[in-house]
Amino acid sequence: MDSRFNDIALTRRGVLIAGAGVTAAATLPVSAAPLPGEAGDAPVMAPVTFDVNGVATTLELDTRTSLLDALREHLQLTGTKKGCDQGQCGACTVLVNGRRTVSCLSLAVMNQGAKVTTIEGLGAPGSLHPMQAAFIKHDGYQCGYCTPGQICSAVGMLDEIQRGMPSHVSADITAQPLLSPAELRERMSGNICRCGAYSNIVDAISEVAGVRS
């Protein structure tokens, strides 16, 4: 083979190698210094005072702490479960001033002065909340991980109906809603049961509500 072709091939290969090196260098970060809010910055702390299950509580918390982490990590109320940590599964549902809230999406500092009720505050062995007793009676759980959130959500949902709050499937938003199967499914759709115990959950909620499932 003519040596001129070898020179051309080697030159082309060299250009490609050099180009790849330039591209790799261009993708390296300019500085390894932490960005604002990353490790290296001292957390901003703030006192949070609220009522948790009937007990006045004050915590000194990083302002980025979620209500879920405040309950689980600082108050050891581990009945409230961390599922998706994105507000999609409902396992962390608690009642805040009587309204159901996914605690992973609520910062603790947002609940200053609030009344927070977790599954531990609804009832206890020997003095169960009617919804807790109904879930046990109808076997409304399998692994039980989602159950605290299901129960807190169901209690809040029935209160919403009693107060006349319509849902997406309510035919007449000015009329008092009734707990129809469609209403129940819609209102509880934010709580996922990965075990698929939905029929038993419906039976438990329906019994407490005094309707036939």
N, C-alpha and C. Protein backbone atom coordinates (compact mmCIF):
# COMPACT_ATOMS: atom_id res chain seq x y z
N MET A 1 0.86 -1.19 0.00
CA MET A 1 0.00 0.00 0.00
C MET A 1 0.89 1.24 0.00
N ASP A 2 0.47 2.24 -0.75
CA ASP A 2 1.21 3.49 -0.81
C ASP A 2 1.30 4.09 0.58
N SER A 3 2.52 4.49 1.02
CA SER A 3 2.74 5.05 2.36
C SER A 3 1.95 6.33 2.58
N ARG A 4 1.59 7.02 1.47
CA ARG A 4 0.82 8.26 1.62
C ARG A 4 -0.52 7.99 2.28
N PHE A 5 -1.14 6.83 1.98
CA PHE A 5 -2.44 6.49 2.56
C PHE A 5 -2.30 6.22 4.06
N ASN A 6 -1.19 5.61 4.49
CA ASN A 6 -0.96 5.39 5.92
C ASN A 6 -0.86 6.71 6.66
N ASP A 7 -0.19 7.67 6.05
CA ASP A 7 -0.06 8.98 6.69
C ASP A 7 -1.42 9.64 6.86
N ILE A 8 -2.26 9.52 5.81
CA ILE A 8 -3.60 10.12 5.89
C ILE A 8 -4.41 9.47 6.99
N ALA A 9 -4.36 8.11 7.08
CA ALA A 9 -5.14 7.38 8.09
C ALA A 9 -4.69 7.77 9.49
N LEU A 10 -3.37 7.83 9.69
CA LEU A 10 -2.86 8.18 11.02
C LEU A 10 -3.25 9.60 11.39
N THR A 11 -3.20 10.48 10.44
CA THR A 11 -3.57 11.87 10.71
C THR A 11 -5.04 11.98 11.07
N ARG A 12 -5.88 11.27 10.34
CA ARG A 12 -7.32 11.31 10.64
C ARG A 12 -7.60 10.75 12.02
N ARG A 13 -6.93 9.62 12.37
CA ARG A 13 -7.11 9.01 13.69
C ARG A 13 -6.69 9.97 14.80
N GLY A 14 -5.58 10.64 14.55
CA GLY A 14 -5.10 11.59 15.54
C GLY A 14 -6.08 12.73 15.77
N VAL A 15 -6.67 13.19 14.66
CA VAL A 15 -7.66 14.27 14.78
C VAL A 15 -8.86 13.83 15.60
N LEU A 16 -9.33 12.58 15.35
CA LEU A 16 -10.48 12.06 16.10
C LEU A 16 -10.18 11.93 17.58
N ILE A 17 -8.97 11.43 17.89
CA ILE A 17 -8.59 11.29 19.30
C ILE A 17 -8.50 12.65 19.97
N ALA A 18 -7.91 13.59 19.29
CA ALA A 18 -7.77 14.93 19.86
C ALA A 18 -9.15 15.58 20.07
N GLY A 19 -10.04 15.36 19.09
CA GLY A 19 -11.39 15.92 19.22
C GLY A 19 -12.15 15.34 20.39
N ALA A 20 -12.00 14.02 20.60
CA ALA A 20 -12.67 13.37 21.73
C ALA A 20 -12.16 13.92 23.04
N GLY A 21 -10.86 14.19 23.10
CA GLY A 21 -10.29 14.75 24.33
C GLY A 21 -10.84 16.13 24.63
N VAL A 22 -10.98 16.95 23.58
CA VAL A 22 -11.53 18.30 23.77
C VAL A 22 -12.97 18.23 24.26
N THR A 23 -13.76 17.31 23.67
CA THR A 23 -15.16 17.15 24.06
C THR A 23 -15.28 16.73 25.53
N ALA A 24 -14.45 15.77 25.94
CA ALA A 24 -14.49 15.31 27.33
C ALA A 24 -14.13 16.43 28.28
N ALA A 25 -13.12 17.21 27.92
CA ALA A 25 -12.71 18.31 28.78
C ALA A 25 -13.81 19.35 28.92
N ALA A 26 -14.54 19.56 27.82
CA ALA A 26 -15.60 20.57 27.83
C ALA A 26 -16.75 20.19 28.74
N THR A 27 -16.92 18.89 28.99
CA THR A 27 -18.05 18.44 29.82
C THR A 27 -17.72 18.43 31.29
N LEU A 28 -16.45 18.65 31.67
CA LEU A 28 -16.09 18.66 33.09
C LEU A 28 -16.63 19.92 33.75
N PRO A 29 -17.04 19.84 35.03
CA PRO A 29 -17.54 21.03 35.72
C PRO A 29 -16.45 22.07 35.86
N VAL A 30 -16.84 23.33 35.74
CA VAL A 30 -15.88 24.42 35.86
C VAL A 30 -15.34 24.49 37.27
N SER A 31 -16.22 24.29 38.25
CA SER A 31 -15.81 24.38 39.64
C SER A 31 -16.51 23.31 40.45
N ALA A 32 -15.82 22.78 41.42
CA ALA A 32 -16.41 21.77 42.30
C ALA A 32 -17.01 22.38 43.55
N ALA A 33 -17.06 23.70 43.62
CA ALA A 33 -17.61 24.37 44.79
C ALA A 33 -19.11 24.06 44.92
N PRO A 34 -19.62 23.83 46.15
CA PRO A 34 -21.04 23.51 46.33
C PRO A 34 -21.93 24.69 45.96
N LEU A 35 -23.07 24.39 45.38
CA LEU A 35 -24.05 25.41 45.05
C LEU A 35 -24.77 25.85 46.31
N PRO A 36 -25.42 27.04 46.28
CA PRO A 36 -26.19 27.49 47.44
C PRO A 36 -27.22 26.45 47.84
N GLY A 37 -27.28 26.13 49.14
CA GLY A 37 -28.24 25.16 49.63
C GLY A 37 -27.69 23.75 49.69
N GLU A 38 -26.50 23.51 49.04
CA GLU A 38 -25.91 22.19 49.11
C GLU A 38 -25.03 22.08 50.35
N ALA A 39 -24.43 20.90 50.52
CA ALA A 39 -23.57 20.67 51.67
C ALA A 39 -22.50 21.76 51.73
N GLY A 40 -22.28 22.27 52.88
CA GLY A 40 -21.33 23.37 53.03
C GLY A 40 -22.03 24.59 53.59
N ASP A 41 -23.30 24.76 53.29
CA ASP A 41 -24.08 25.85 53.86
C ASP A 41 -24.74 25.37 55.14
N ALA A 42 -24.68 26.17 56.17
CA ALA A 42 -25.33 25.81 57.44
C ALA A 42 -26.84 25.84 57.24
N PRO A 43 -27.57 24.84 57.75
CA PRO A 43 -29.03 24.84 57.60
C PRO A 43 -29.66 25.99 58.37
N VAL A 44 -30.76 26.47 57.85
CA VAL A 44 -31.52 27.52 58.53
C VAL A 44 -32.50 26.84 59.48
N MET A 45 -32.34 27.10 60.76
CA MET A 45 -33.18 26.46 61.77
C MET A 45 -34.29 27.41 62.21
N ALA A 46 -35.41 26.83 62.62
CA ALA A 46 -36.54 27.64 63.09
C ALA A 46 -37.36 26.82 64.08
N PRO A 47 -37.91 27.46 65.11
CA PRO A 47 -38.77 26.74 66.05
C PRO A 47 -40.15 26.52 65.43
N VAL A 48 -40.69 25.33 65.62
CA VAL A 48 -42.03 25.01 65.13
C VAL A 48 -42.83 24.50 66.32
N THR A 49 -43.95 25.15 66.58
CA THR A 49 -44.83 24.73 67.67
C THR A 49 -46.17 24.33 67.10
N PHE A 50 -46.58 23.11 67.39
CA PHE A 50 -47.90 22.65 66.95
C PHE A 50 -48.42 21.62 67.94
N ASP A 51 -49.68 21.28 67.76
CA ASP A 51 -50.33 20.29 68.60
C ASP A 51 -50.32 18.97 67.84
N VAL A 52 -49.66 17.97 68.38
CA VAL A 52 -49.58 16.67 67.73
C VAL A 52 -50.28 15.64 68.61
N ASN A 53 -51.39 15.13 68.12
CA ASN A 53 -52.18 14.14 68.86
C ASN A 53 -52.55 14.62 70.26
N GLY A 54 -52.88 15.91 70.35
CA GLY A 54 -53.33 16.47 71.61
C GLY A 54 -52.22 16.93 72.54
N VAL A 55 -50.98 16.86 72.09
CA VAL A 55 -49.84 17.27 72.91
C VAL A 55 -49.15 18.47 72.27
N ALA A 56 -49.03 19.57 73.01
CA ALA A 56 -48.33 20.74 72.51
C ALA A 56 -46.85 20.41 72.37
N THR A 57 -46.31 20.64 71.19
CA THR A 57 -44.95 20.22 70.87
C THR A 57 -44.18 21.35 70.19
N THR A 58 -42.94 21.56 70.62
CA THR A 58 -42.07 22.53 69.97
C THR A 58 -40.79 21.84 69.54
N LEU A 59 -40.42 22.02 68.27
CA LEU A 59 -39.21 21.43 67.71
C LEU A 59 -38.37 22.51 67.06
N GLU A 60 -37.06 22.37 67.15
CA GLU A 60 -36.14 23.24 66.42
C GLU A 60 -35.71 22.48 65.17
N LEU A 61 -36.18 22.95 64.01
CA LEU A 61 -36.03 22.16 62.80
C LEU A 61 -35.35 22.95 61.68
N ASP A 62 -34.63 22.23 60.85
CA ASP A 62 -34.19 22.77 59.57
C ASP A 62 -35.45 23.16 58.79
N THR A 63 -35.46 24.34 58.22
CA THR A 63 -36.66 24.83 57.54
C THR A 63 -37.04 23.98 56.34
N ARG A 64 -36.14 23.10 55.89
CA ARG A 64 -36.45 22.21 54.77
C ARG A 64 -37.08 20.90 55.22
N THR A 65 -37.25 20.71 56.52
CA THR A 65 -37.79 19.45 57.05
C THR A 65 -39.27 19.32 56.72
N SER A 66 -39.65 18.20 56.14
CA SER A 66 -41.07 17.96 55.84
C SER A 66 -41.82 17.61 57.12
N LEU A 67 -43.12 17.78 57.09
CA LEU A 67 -43.93 17.38 58.22
C LEU A 67 -43.77 15.89 58.48
N LEU A 68 -43.67 15.11 57.40
CA LEU A 68 -43.48 13.67 57.53
C LEU A 68 -42.22 13.34 58.31
N ASP A 69 -41.10 13.97 57.96
CA ASP A 69 -39.85 13.69 58.66
C ASP A 69 -39.87 14.22 60.10
N ALA A 70 -40.56 15.33 60.32
CA ALA A 70 -40.69 15.83 61.69
C ALA A 70 -41.42 14.82 62.57
N LEU A 71 -42.47 14.22 62.01
CA LEU A 71 -43.24 13.24 62.78
C LEU A 71 -42.45 11.96 63.00
N ARG A 72 -41.82 11.46 61.96
CA ARG A 72 -41.14 10.17 62.05
C ARG A 72 -39.78 10.27 62.74
N GLU A 73 -38.96 11.22 62.32
CA GLU A 73 -37.58 11.27 62.78
C GLU A 73 -37.40 12.05 64.08
N HIS A 74 -38.25 13.03 64.32
CA HIS A 74 -38.08 13.87 65.51
C HIS A 74 -39.05 13.50 66.63
N LEU A 75 -40.22 12.99 66.29
CA LEU A 75 -41.20 12.63 67.31
C LEU A 75 -41.42 11.12 67.42
N GLN A 76 -40.74 10.36 66.57
CA GLN A 76 -40.82 8.90 66.58
C GLN A 76 -42.25 8.38 66.41
N LEU A 77 -43.07 9.12 65.69
CA LEU A 77 -44.43 8.67 65.35
C LEU A 77 -44.34 7.96 64.01
N THR A 78 -43.88 6.73 64.04
CA THR A 78 -43.56 6.01 62.81
C THR A 78 -44.77 5.33 62.17
N GLY A 79 -45.97 5.52 62.75
CA GLY A 79 -47.16 4.99 62.10
C GLY A 79 -47.39 5.66 60.76
N THR A 80 -47.02 6.91 60.64
CA THR A 80 -47.12 7.63 59.36
C THR A 80 -45.98 7.14 58.47
N LYS A 81 -46.32 6.57 57.32
CA LYS A 81 -45.32 5.88 56.49
C LYS A 81 -44.79 6.76 55.37
N LYS A 82 -43.52 6.55 55.07
CA LYS A 82 -42.90 7.20 53.91
C LYS A 82 -42.94 6.21 52.76
N GLY A 83 -43.76 6.50 51.76
CA GLY A 83 -43.91 5.63 50.61
C GLY A 83 -43.12 6.15 49.43
N CYS A 84 -43.73 7.03 48.65
CA CYS A 84 -43.08 7.56 47.46
C CYS A 84 -42.29 8.83 47.75
N ASP A 85 -42.63 9.54 48.82
CA ASP A 85 -42.02 10.83 49.17
C ASP A 85 -42.25 11.87 48.08
N GLN A 86 -43.30 11.68 47.28
CA GLN A 86 -43.62 12.62 46.20
C GLN A 86 -45.10 12.98 46.18
N GLY A 87 -45.84 12.59 47.21
CA GLY A 87 -47.26 12.94 47.28
C GLY A 87 -48.16 12.13 46.37
N GLN A 88 -47.68 10.97 45.89
CA GLN A 88 -48.45 10.20 44.92
C GLN A 88 -49.13 8.96 45.49
N CYS A 89 -48.65 8.45 46.64
CA CYS A 89 -49.18 7.17 47.12
C CYS A 89 -50.12 7.31 48.30
N GLY A 90 -50.04 8.39 49.07
CA GLY A 90 -50.95 8.61 50.19
C GLY A 90 -50.57 7.90 51.47
N ALA A 91 -49.45 7.17 51.50
CA ALA A 91 -49.09 6.43 52.71
C ALA A 91 -48.79 7.34 53.89
N CYS A 92 -48.43 8.59 53.62
CA CYS A 92 -48.05 9.52 54.69
C CYS A 92 -49.20 10.45 55.10
N THR A 93 -50.42 10.13 54.70
CA THR A 93 -51.55 11.01 54.99
C THR A 93 -51.80 11.15 56.49
N VAL A 94 -51.93 12.39 56.94
CA VAL A 94 -52.32 12.72 58.31
C VAL A 94 -53.42 13.76 58.23
N LEU A 95 -54.00 14.09 59.38
CA LEU A 95 -55.02 15.13 59.44
C LEU A 95 -54.40 16.39 60.04
N VAL A 96 -54.51 17.49 59.31
CA VAL A 96 -54.01 18.78 59.79
C VAL A 96 -55.21 19.71 59.92
N ASN A 97 -55.51 20.08 61.15
CA ASN A 97 -56.72 20.87 61.43
C ASN A 97 -57.96 20.18 60.85
N GLY A 98 -57.96 18.85 60.93
CA GLY A 98 -59.10 18.06 60.49
C GLY A 98 -59.12 17.73 59.02
N ARG A 99 -58.20 18.29 58.25
CA ARG A 99 -58.18 18.05 56.81
C ARG A 99 -57.03 17.11 56.46
N ARG A 100 -57.29 16.16 55.58
CA ARG A 100 -56.25 15.19 55.22
C ARG A 100 -55.16 15.87 54.40
N THR A 101 -53.94 15.52 54.72
CA THR A 101 -52.76 16.15 54.12
C THR A 101 -51.70 15.10 53.87
N VAL A 102 -51.09 15.14 52.69
CA VAL A 102 -49.94 14.26 52.46
C VAL A 102 -48.73 14.95 53.07
N SER A 103 -48.24 14.39 54.16
CA SER A 103 -47.26 15.10 54.97
C SER A 103 -45.89 15.20 54.33
N CYS A 104 -45.62 14.39 53.30
CA CYS A 104 -44.31 14.48 52.64
C CYS A 104 -44.20 15.75 51.81
N LEU A 105 -45.32 16.35 51.43
CA LEU A 105 -45.30 17.57 50.61
C LEU A 105 -45.53 18.84 51.41
N SER A 106 -45.64 18.70 52.72
CA SER A 106 -45.89 19.85 53.58
C SER A 106 -44.68 20.08 54.47
N LEU A 107 -44.10 21.27 54.41
CA LEU A 107 -42.98 21.58 55.30
C LEU A 107 -43.49 21.74 56.72
N ALA A 108 -42.70 21.30 57.68
CA ALA A 108 -43.10 21.40 59.08
C ALA A 108 -43.37 22.85 59.47
N VAL A 109 -42.55 23.78 58.97
CA VAL A 109 -42.71 25.19 59.34
C VAL A 109 -44.00 25.79 58.81
N MET A 110 -44.62 25.14 57.82
CA MET A 110 -45.90 25.61 57.28
C MET A 110 -47.05 25.30 58.23
N ASN A 111 -46.79 24.46 59.23
CA ASN A 111 -47.85 24.00 60.12
C ASN A 111 -47.74 24.60 61.51
N GLN A 112 -47.16 25.77 61.58
CA GLN A 112 -47.03 26.47 62.85
C GLN A 112 -48.42 26.68 63.48
N GLY A 113 -48.60 26.20 64.70
CA GLY A 113 -49.86 26.37 65.41
C GLY A 113 -50.96 25.42 64.99
N ALA A 114 -50.66 24.48 64.08
CA ALA A 114 -51.69 23.57 63.57
C ALA A 114 -51.95 22.43 64.55
N LYS A 115 -53.10 21.80 64.36
CA LYS A 115 -53.45 20.60 65.11
C LYS A 115 -53.25 19.41 64.18
N VAL A 116 -52.27 18.58 64.49
CA VAL A 116 -51.92 17.45 63.64
C VAL A 116 -52.36 16.16 64.32
N THR A 117 -53.07 15.32 63.57
CA THR A 117 -53.49 14.02 64.09
C THR A 117 -52.93 12.94 63.19
N THR A 118 -52.16 12.03 63.79
CA THR A 118 -51.61 10.89 63.07
C THR A 118 -52.43 9.66 63.42
N ILE A 119 -52.06 8.52 62.83
CA ILE A 119 -52.78 7.28 63.12
C ILE A 119 -52.72 6.95 64.61
N GLU A 120 -51.61 7.32 65.28
CA GLU A 120 -51.48 7.06 66.71
C GLU A 120 -52.48 7.89 67.52
N GLY A 121 -52.86 9.05 66.97
CA GLY A 121 -53.77 9.93 67.69
C GLY A 121 -55.23 9.63 67.44
N LEU A 122 -55.53 8.84 66.41
CA LEU A 122 -56.93 8.48 66.15
C LEU A 122 -57.46 7.51 67.19
N GLY A 123 -56.65 6.55 67.56
CA GLY A 123 -57.09 5.55 68.53
C GLY A 123 -55.92 4.69 68.95
N ALA A 124 -56.14 3.88 69.94
CA ALA A 124 -55.09 3.01 70.46
C ALA A 124 -55.71 1.66 70.81
N PRO A 125 -54.90 0.62 70.96
CA PRO A 125 -55.46 -0.68 71.36
C PRO A 125 -56.33 -0.55 72.60
N GLY A 126 -57.53 -1.09 72.51
CA GLY A 126 -58.49 -0.97 73.60
C GLY A 126 -59.40 0.22 73.46
N SER A 127 -59.03 1.16 72.60
CA SER A 127 -59.87 2.35 72.35
C SER A 127 -59.69 2.79 70.90
N LEU A 128 -60.07 1.89 69.99
CA LEU A 128 -59.86 2.14 68.57
C LEU A 128 -60.87 3.14 68.03
N HIS A 129 -60.43 3.90 67.03
CA HIS A 129 -61.35 4.73 66.26
C HIS A 129 -62.25 3.78 65.46
N PRO A 130 -63.51 4.13 65.22
CA PRO A 130 -64.39 3.25 64.44
C PRO A 130 -63.80 2.84 63.09
N MET A 131 -63.05 3.73 62.46
CA MET A 131 -62.46 3.37 61.17
C MET A 131 -61.36 2.33 61.35
N GLN A 132 -60.58 2.45 62.39
CA GLN A 132 -59.56 1.44 62.66
C GLN A 132 -60.20 0.08 62.91
N ALA A 133 -61.27 0.08 63.72
CA ALA A 133 -61.96 -1.17 64.03
C ALA A 133 -62.56 -1.79 62.78
N ALA A 134 -63.10 -0.96 61.89
CA ALA A 134 -63.72 -1.46 60.66
C ALA A 134 -62.66 -2.06 59.73
N PHE A 135 -61.49 -1.45 59.66
CA PHE A 135 -60.42 -2.01 58.81
C PHE A 135 -60.00 -3.38 59.33
N ILE A 136 -59.96 -3.54 60.64
CA ILE A 136 -59.61 -4.84 61.20
C ILE A 136 -60.72 -5.86 60.92
N LYS A 137 -61.96 -5.45 61.13
CA LYS A 137 -63.09 -6.36 60.92
C LYS A 137 -63.16 -6.85 59.48
N HIS A 138 -62.95 -5.95 58.53
CA HIS A 138 -63.10 -6.29 57.11
C HIS A 138 -61.77 -6.66 56.46
N ASP A 139 -60.73 -6.79 57.26
CA ASP A 139 -59.42 -7.16 56.72
C ASP A 139 -59.02 -6.21 55.60
N GLY A 140 -59.09 -4.92 55.90
CA GLY A 140 -58.81 -3.90 54.90
C GLY A 140 -57.33 -3.63 54.71
N TYR A 141 -56.53 -4.65 54.82
CA TYR A 141 -55.08 -4.50 54.67
C TYR A 141 -54.48 -5.88 54.41
N GLN A 142 -53.28 -5.87 53.85
CA GLN A 142 -52.52 -7.12 53.74
C GLN A 142 -51.14 -6.89 54.35
N CYS A 143 -50.26 -6.18 53.67
CA CYS A 143 -48.96 -5.90 54.29
C CYS A 143 -49.11 -4.83 55.37
N GLY A 144 -50.12 -3.98 55.27
CA GLY A 144 -50.39 -2.98 56.29
C GLY A 144 -49.63 -1.68 56.14
N TYR A 145 -48.74 -1.60 55.15
CA TYR A 145 -47.90 -0.40 55.04
C TYR A 145 -48.72 0.85 54.72
N CYS A 146 -49.69 0.71 53.83
CA CYS A 146 -50.50 1.87 53.43
C CYS A 146 -51.64 2.14 54.38
N THR A 147 -51.90 1.22 55.32
CA THR A 147 -53.11 1.27 56.14
C THR A 147 -53.25 2.54 56.97
N PRO A 148 -52.20 3.04 57.66
CA PRO A 148 -52.37 4.29 58.42
C PRO A 148 -52.83 5.45 57.54
N GLY A 149 -52.23 5.56 56.35
CA GLY A 149 -52.65 6.62 55.44
C GLY A 149 -54.05 6.40 54.92
N GLN A 150 -54.42 5.16 54.63
CA GLN A 150 -55.77 4.85 54.18
C GLN A 150 -56.80 5.25 55.24
N ILE A 151 -56.53 4.91 56.49
CA ILE A 151 -57.47 5.20 57.57
C ILE A 151 -57.60 6.70 57.81
N CYS A 152 -56.46 7.41 57.88
CA CYS A 152 -56.52 8.86 58.08
C CYS A 152 -57.24 9.54 56.92
N SER A 153 -56.98 9.08 55.71
CA SER A 153 -57.63 9.65 54.54
C SER A 153 -59.13 9.38 54.56
N ALA A 154 -59.52 8.17 54.96
CA ALA A 154 -60.94 7.82 55.00
C ALA A 154 -61.68 8.67 56.03
N VAL A 155 -61.06 8.89 57.18
CA VAL A 155 -61.68 9.74 58.21
C VAL A 155 -61.86 11.16 57.69
N GLY A 156 -60.82 11.70 57.05
CA GLY A 156 -60.92 13.04 56.49
C GLY A 156 -61.92 13.12 55.36
N MET A 157 -61.99 12.07 54.56
CA MET A 157 -62.91 12.04 53.42
C MET A 157 -64.36 12.06 53.87
N LEU A 158 -64.70 11.28 54.90
CA LEU A 158 -66.08 11.28 55.40
C LEU A 158 -66.46 12.63 55.99
N ASP A 159 -65.49 13.29 56.60
CA ASP A 159 -65.75 14.64 57.13
C ASP A 159 -66.01 15.62 55.99
N GLU A 160 -65.29 15.48 54.89
CA GLU A 160 -65.52 16.34 53.72
C GLU A 160 -66.94 16.17 53.19
N ILE A 161 -67.41 14.94 53.13
CA ILE A 161 -68.76 14.68 52.65
C ILE A 161 -69.79 15.28 53.61
N GLN A 162 -69.55 15.11 54.90
CA GLN A 162 -70.48 15.66 55.89
C GLN A 162 -70.56 17.18 55.79
N ARG A 163 -69.44 17.81 55.44
CA ARG A 163 -69.42 19.27 55.30
C ARG A 163 -69.90 19.72 53.92
N GLY A 164 -70.29 18.78 53.06
CA GLY A 164 -70.87 19.13 51.77
C GLY A 164 -69.88 19.48 50.68
N MET A 165 -68.65 19.05 50.82
CA MET A 165 -67.63 19.37 49.81
C MET A 165 -67.79 18.45 48.60
N PRO A 166 -67.99 18.98 47.40
CA PRO A 166 -68.14 18.13 46.21
C PRO A 166 -66.80 17.57 45.76
N SER A 167 -66.85 16.53 44.92
CA SER A 167 -65.65 15.97 44.33
C SER A 167 -65.72 16.12 42.82
N HIS A 168 -64.75 15.58 42.13
CA HIS A 168 -64.71 15.68 40.66
C HIS A 168 -65.89 14.94 40.02
N VAL A 169 -66.43 13.92 40.70
CA VAL A 169 -67.51 13.14 40.09
C VAL A 169 -68.90 13.55 40.62
N SER A 170 -68.95 14.57 41.47
CA SER A 170 -70.26 15.02 41.98
C SER A 170 -71.07 15.63 40.85
N ALA A 171 -72.28 15.10 40.63
CA ALA A 171 -73.12 15.57 39.53
C ALA A 171 -73.62 16.99 39.78
N ASP A 172 -73.93 17.30 41.04
CA ASP A 172 -74.44 18.62 41.41
C ASP A 172 -73.57 19.16 42.54
N ILE A 173 -72.75 20.14 42.24
CA ILE A 173 -71.81 20.64 43.24
C ILE A 173 -72.50 21.46 44.32
N THR A 174 -73.77 21.77 44.14
CA THR A 174 -74.50 22.53 45.16
C THR A 174 -75.29 21.62 46.09
N ALA A 175 -75.42 20.35 45.74
CA ALA A 175 -76.19 19.41 46.56
C ALA A 175 -75.29 18.71 47.56
N GLN A 176 -75.91 18.22 48.63
CA GLN A 176 -75.16 17.45 49.61
C GLN A 176 -74.67 16.14 48.98
N PRO A 177 -73.36 15.90 48.92
CA PRO A 177 -72.87 14.68 48.28
C PRO A 177 -73.21 13.44 49.11
N LEU A 178 -73.42 12.34 48.41
CA LEU A 178 -73.68 11.05 49.05
C LEU A 178 -72.50 10.12 48.76
N LEU A 179 -72.26 9.19 49.66
CA LEU A 179 -71.12 8.29 49.48
C LEU A 179 -71.49 7.15 48.55
N SER A 180 -71.59 7.45 47.27
CA SER A 180 -71.83 6.42 46.26
C SER A 180 -70.51 5.71 45.98
N PRO A 181 -70.56 4.55 45.31
CA PRO A 181 -69.31 3.88 44.94
C PRO A 181 -68.38 4.77 44.12
N ALA A 182 -68.95 5.55 43.22
CA ALA A 182 -68.12 6.43 42.39
C ALA A 182 -67.47 7.52 43.25
N GLU A 183 -68.24 8.08 44.18
CA GLU A 183 -67.68 9.11 45.07
C GLU A 183 -66.57 8.53 45.93
N LEU A 184 -66.79 7.35 46.45
CA LEU A 184 -65.78 6.74 47.32
C LEU A 184 -64.49 6.47 46.56
N ARG A 185 -64.62 5.91 45.36
CA ARG A 185 -63.43 5.62 44.57
C ARG A 185 -62.67 6.90 44.22
N GLU A 186 -63.41 7.93 43.83
CA GLU A 186 -62.78 9.19 43.46
C GLU A 186 -62.06 9.82 44.65
N ARG A 187 -62.76 9.87 45.77
CA ARG A 187 -62.21 10.56 46.94
C ARG A 187 -61.04 9.81 47.58
N MET A 188 -60.98 8.51 47.40
CA MET A 188 -59.87 7.73 47.97
C MET A 188 -58.80 7.39 46.93
N SER A 189 -58.90 7.97 45.74
CA SER A 189 -57.99 7.60 44.65
C SER A 189 -56.55 8.02 44.93
N GLY A 190 -56.33 8.91 45.85
CA GLY A 190 -54.97 9.33 46.17
C GLY A 190 -54.24 8.39 47.10
N ASN A 191 -54.93 7.35 47.55
CA ASN A 191 -54.31 6.37 48.46
C ASN A 191 -54.17 5.03 47.75
N ILE A 192 -52.95 4.63 47.51
CA ILE A 192 -52.67 3.41 46.76
C ILE A 192 -52.43 2.25 47.71
N CYS A 193 -53.07 1.12 47.41
CA CYS A 193 -52.81 -0.13 48.13
C CYS A 193 -52.12 -1.08 47.15
N ARG A 194 -50.84 -1.28 47.33
CA ARG A 194 -50.09 -2.12 46.39
C ARG A 194 -50.48 -3.59 46.51
N CYS A 195 -51.09 -3.97 47.63
CA CYS A 195 -51.54 -5.35 47.80
C CYS A 195 -52.89 -5.60 47.12
N GLY A 196 -53.61 -4.52 46.80
CA GLY A 196 -54.89 -4.67 46.11
C GLY A 196 -56.05 -5.03 47.01
N ALA A 197 -56.04 -4.54 48.27
CA ALA A 197 -57.13 -4.87 49.20
C ALA A 197 -58.28 -3.87 49.10
N TYR A 198 -58.50 -3.33 47.91
CA TYR A 198 -59.46 -2.25 47.75
C TYR A 198 -60.89 -2.64 48.12
N SER A 199 -61.32 -3.83 47.75
CA SER A 199 -62.72 -4.21 48.05
C SER A 199 -62.96 -4.23 49.55
N ASN A 200 -61.99 -4.70 50.32
CA ASN A 200 -62.15 -4.73 51.77
C ASN A 200 -62.08 -3.33 52.37
N ILE A 201 -61.25 -2.48 51.78
CA ILE A 201 -61.18 -1.08 52.22
C ILE A 201 -62.52 -0.39 51.99
N VAL A 202 -63.11 -0.63 50.85
CA VAL A 202 -64.43 -0.06 50.54
C VAL A 202 -65.47 -0.54 51.56
N ASP A 203 -65.44 -1.83 51.90
CA ASP A 203 -66.39 -2.37 52.88
C ASP A 203 -66.22 -1.70 54.24
N ALA A 204 -64.97 -1.50 54.65
CA ALA A 204 -64.71 -0.88 55.95
C ALA A 204 -65.21 0.56 56.00
N ILE A 205 -64.90 1.33 54.96
CA ILE A 205 -65.32 2.73 54.92
C ILE A 205 -66.84 2.83 54.85
N SER A 206 -67.45 1.96 54.05
CA SER A 206 -68.90 1.99 53.88
C SER A 206 -69.60 1.68 55.21
N GLU A 207 -69.07 0.74 55.98
CA GLU A 207 -69.69 0.43 57.26
C GLU A 207 -69.67 1.61 58.20
N VAL A 208 -68.53 2.30 58.27
CA VAL A 208 -68.43 3.48 59.14
C VAL A 208 -69.37 4.58 58.67
N ALA A 209 -69.50 4.70 57.34
CA ALA A 209 -70.37 5.73 56.79
C ALA A 209 -71.84 5.36 56.89
N GLY A 210 -72.12 4.09 57.17
CA GLY A 210 -73.51 3.65 57.30
C GLY A 210 -74.20 3.46 55.97
N VAL A 211 -73.42 3.08 54.95
CA VAL A 211 -74.01 2.83 53.63
C VAL A 211 -73.60 1.43 53.18
N ARG A 212 -74.33 0.90 52.19
CA ARG A 212 -74.00 -0.41 51.66
C ARG A 212 -72.97 -0.25 50.56
N SER A 213 -71.94 -1.09 50.58
CA SER A 213 -70.87 -1.00 49.58
C SER A 213 -71.29 -1.76 48.31
